[in-house]
N, C-alpha and C. Protein backbone atom coordinates (compact mmCIF):
# COMPACT_ATOMS: atom_id res chain seq x y z
N MET A 1 0.85 -1.17 0.00
CA MET A 1 0.00 0.00 0.00
C MET A 1 0.90 1.24 0.00
N THR A 2 0.56 2.19 -0.83
CA THR A 2 1.38 3.39 -0.94
C THR A 2 1.09 4.36 0.21
N GLY A 3 1.97 5.31 0.38
CA GLY A 3 1.77 6.31 1.41
C GLY A 3 0.52 7.14 1.18
N LYS A 4 0.25 7.42 -0.10
CA LYS A 4 -0.95 8.19 -0.43
C LYS A 4 -2.22 7.42 -0.07
N GLU A 5 -2.21 6.13 -0.31
CA GLU A 5 -3.37 5.30 0.04
C GLU A 5 -3.56 5.25 1.55
N LEU A 6 -2.46 5.15 2.29
CA LEU A 6 -2.56 5.15 3.75
C LEU A 6 -3.12 6.46 4.27
N LEU A 7 -2.71 7.57 3.65
CA LEU A 7 -3.25 8.87 4.06
C LEU A 7 -4.75 8.94 3.78
N TYR A 8 -5.18 8.38 2.67
CA TYR A 8 -6.60 8.36 2.34
C TYR A 8 -7.38 7.56 3.39
N ILE A 9 -6.87 6.40 3.75
CA ILE A 9 -7.55 5.55 4.74
C ILE A 9 -7.57 6.25 6.10
N GLU A 10 -6.47 6.89 6.46
CA GLU A 10 -6.43 7.61 7.73
C GLU A 10 -7.46 8.74 7.74
N ASP A 11 -7.58 9.44 6.65
CA ASP A 11 -8.57 10.51 6.54
C ASP A 11 -10.00 9.95 6.64
N ALA A 12 -10.24 8.86 5.94
CA ALA A 12 -11.57 8.23 5.98
C ALA A 12 -11.91 7.74 7.38
N LEU A 13 -10.92 7.17 8.08
CA LEU A 13 -11.15 6.73 9.46
C LEU A 13 -11.51 7.91 10.35
N GLY A 14 -10.85 9.03 10.14
CA GLY A 14 -11.16 10.23 10.91
C GLY A 14 -12.58 10.71 10.67
N HIS A 15 -13.00 10.70 9.41
CA HIS A 15 -14.37 11.12 9.09
C HIS A 15 -15.39 10.18 9.71
N GLU A 16 -15.15 8.89 9.61
CA GLU A 16 -16.10 7.93 10.17
C GLU A 16 -16.14 8.03 11.69
N THR A 17 -15.01 8.26 12.32
CA THR A 17 -14.98 8.45 13.78
C THR A 17 -15.81 9.66 14.17
N PHE A 18 -15.65 10.74 13.42
CA PHE A 18 -16.43 11.95 13.70
C PHE A 18 -17.93 11.69 13.55
N MET A 19 -18.32 11.01 12.48
CA MET A 19 -19.74 10.73 12.26
C MET A 19 -20.29 9.80 13.35
N LYS A 20 -19.48 8.81 13.74
CA LYS A 20 -19.93 7.90 14.80
C LYS A 20 -20.15 8.65 16.11
N SER A 21 -19.34 9.67 16.37
CA SER A 21 -19.49 10.41 17.63
C SER A 21 -20.65 11.42 17.55
N CYS A 22 -20.98 11.90 16.37
CA CYS A 22 -22.08 12.87 16.21
C CYS A 22 -23.46 12.20 16.27
N CYS A 23 -23.56 11.01 15.76
CA CYS A 23 -24.87 10.36 15.64
C CYS A 23 -25.57 10.14 16.98
N PRO A 24 -24.91 9.61 18.01
CA PRO A 24 -25.63 9.40 19.28
C PRO A 24 -26.11 10.71 19.90
N LYS A 25 -25.29 11.75 19.81
CA LYS A 25 -25.68 13.05 20.37
C LYS A 25 -26.89 13.60 19.64
N THR A 26 -26.85 13.50 18.33
CA THR A 26 -27.95 14.03 17.51
C THR A 26 -29.22 13.23 17.76
N SER A 27 -29.09 11.91 17.79
CA SER A 27 -30.25 11.05 18.01
C SER A 27 -30.93 11.35 19.34
N ALA A 28 -30.13 11.61 20.36
CA ALA A 28 -30.68 11.89 21.69
C ALA A 28 -31.41 13.23 21.73
N GLN A 29 -31.03 14.16 20.86
CA GLN A 29 -31.64 15.49 20.87
C GLN A 29 -32.91 15.56 20.02
N LEU A 30 -33.11 14.60 19.16
CA LEU A 30 -34.28 14.65 18.27
C LEU A 30 -35.54 14.22 19.00
N THR A 31 -36.64 14.89 18.70
CA THR A 31 -37.91 14.55 19.33
C THR A 31 -38.76 13.64 18.45
N ASP A 32 -38.49 13.61 17.16
CA ASP A 32 -39.22 12.75 16.24
C ASP A 32 -38.64 11.33 16.33
N PRO A 33 -39.43 10.35 16.79
CA PRO A 33 -38.90 8.99 16.95
C PRO A 33 -38.40 8.37 15.64
N ALA A 34 -39.07 8.63 14.55
CA ALA A 34 -38.65 8.05 13.27
C ALA A 34 -37.29 8.63 12.84
N LEU A 35 -37.13 9.90 13.00
CA LEU A 35 -35.87 10.54 12.63
C LEU A 35 -34.75 10.09 13.56
N SER A 36 -35.05 9.96 14.82
CA SER A 36 -34.07 9.47 15.79
C SER A 36 -33.63 8.05 15.44
N ALA A 37 -34.57 7.21 15.06
CA ALA A 37 -34.23 5.84 14.67
C ALA A 37 -33.36 5.83 13.42
N TYR A 38 -33.66 6.73 12.49
CA TYR A 38 -32.86 6.81 11.27
C TYR A 38 -31.42 7.21 11.58
N VAL A 39 -31.24 8.15 12.48
CA VAL A 39 -29.89 8.57 12.84
C VAL A 39 -29.14 7.43 13.53
N LYS A 40 -29.85 6.62 14.30
CA LYS A 40 -29.23 5.45 14.91
C LYS A 40 -28.79 4.45 13.86
N GLU A 41 -29.58 4.31 12.79
CA GLU A 41 -29.18 3.45 11.67
C GLU A 41 -27.92 4.00 10.99
N LEU A 42 -27.87 5.31 10.87
CA LEU A 42 -26.68 5.93 10.28
C LEU A 42 -25.45 5.67 11.15
N GLU A 43 -25.63 5.67 12.45
CA GLU A 43 -24.51 5.38 13.35
C GLU A 43 -23.98 3.97 13.08
N GLN A 44 -24.89 3.02 12.92
CA GLN A 44 -24.47 1.65 12.62
C GLN A 44 -23.74 1.58 11.28
N LYS A 45 -24.25 2.30 10.30
CA LYS A 45 -23.62 2.30 8.97
C LYS A 45 -22.21 2.88 9.04
N HIS A 46 -22.04 3.96 9.80
CA HIS A 46 -20.72 4.56 9.93
C HIS A 46 -19.77 3.65 10.72
N THR A 47 -20.30 2.90 11.66
CA THR A 47 -19.48 1.93 12.38
C THR A 47 -19.01 0.84 11.44
N GLU A 48 -19.90 0.36 10.57
CA GLU A 48 -19.53 -0.65 9.58
C GLU A 48 -18.47 -0.11 8.62
N LEU A 49 -18.65 1.12 8.16
CA LEU A 49 -17.68 1.73 7.26
C LEU A 49 -16.32 1.90 7.94
N PHE A 50 -16.35 2.32 9.21
CA PHE A 50 -15.10 2.46 9.96
C PHE A 50 -14.37 1.11 10.01
N ASN A 51 -15.11 0.06 10.33
CA ASN A 51 -14.49 -1.27 10.43
C ASN A 51 -13.93 -1.73 9.09
N LYS A 52 -14.63 -1.44 8.00
CA LYS A 52 -14.13 -1.82 6.67
C LYS A 52 -12.83 -1.10 6.35
N PHE A 53 -12.79 0.20 6.62
CA PHE A 53 -11.56 0.95 6.36
C PHE A 53 -10.44 0.47 7.28
N PHE A 54 -10.76 0.21 8.53
CA PHE A 54 -9.75 -0.24 9.49
C PHE A 54 -9.16 -1.58 9.08
N ASN A 55 -10.01 -2.45 8.53
CA ASN A 55 -9.53 -3.77 8.11
C ASN A 55 -8.63 -3.71 6.89
N LEU A 56 -8.62 -2.60 6.19
CA LEU A 56 -7.70 -2.44 5.07
C LEU A 56 -6.25 -2.32 5.55
N LEU A 57 -6.11 -1.90 6.80
CA LEU A 57 -4.76 -1.77 7.35
C LEU A 57 -4.32 -3.11 7.79
């Protein structure tokens, strides 16, 4: 793996970490149950994406 590819994966991991940390806070603040559930689904999706990128290392 090239250095440029590693930088890309590191950047992607940072983005996914940020999204994973934002989702629970946002979900807790929402009053619409359907929207809150959707944000929780997004949290799971970002966790899956984080794991996929992490496994590339």
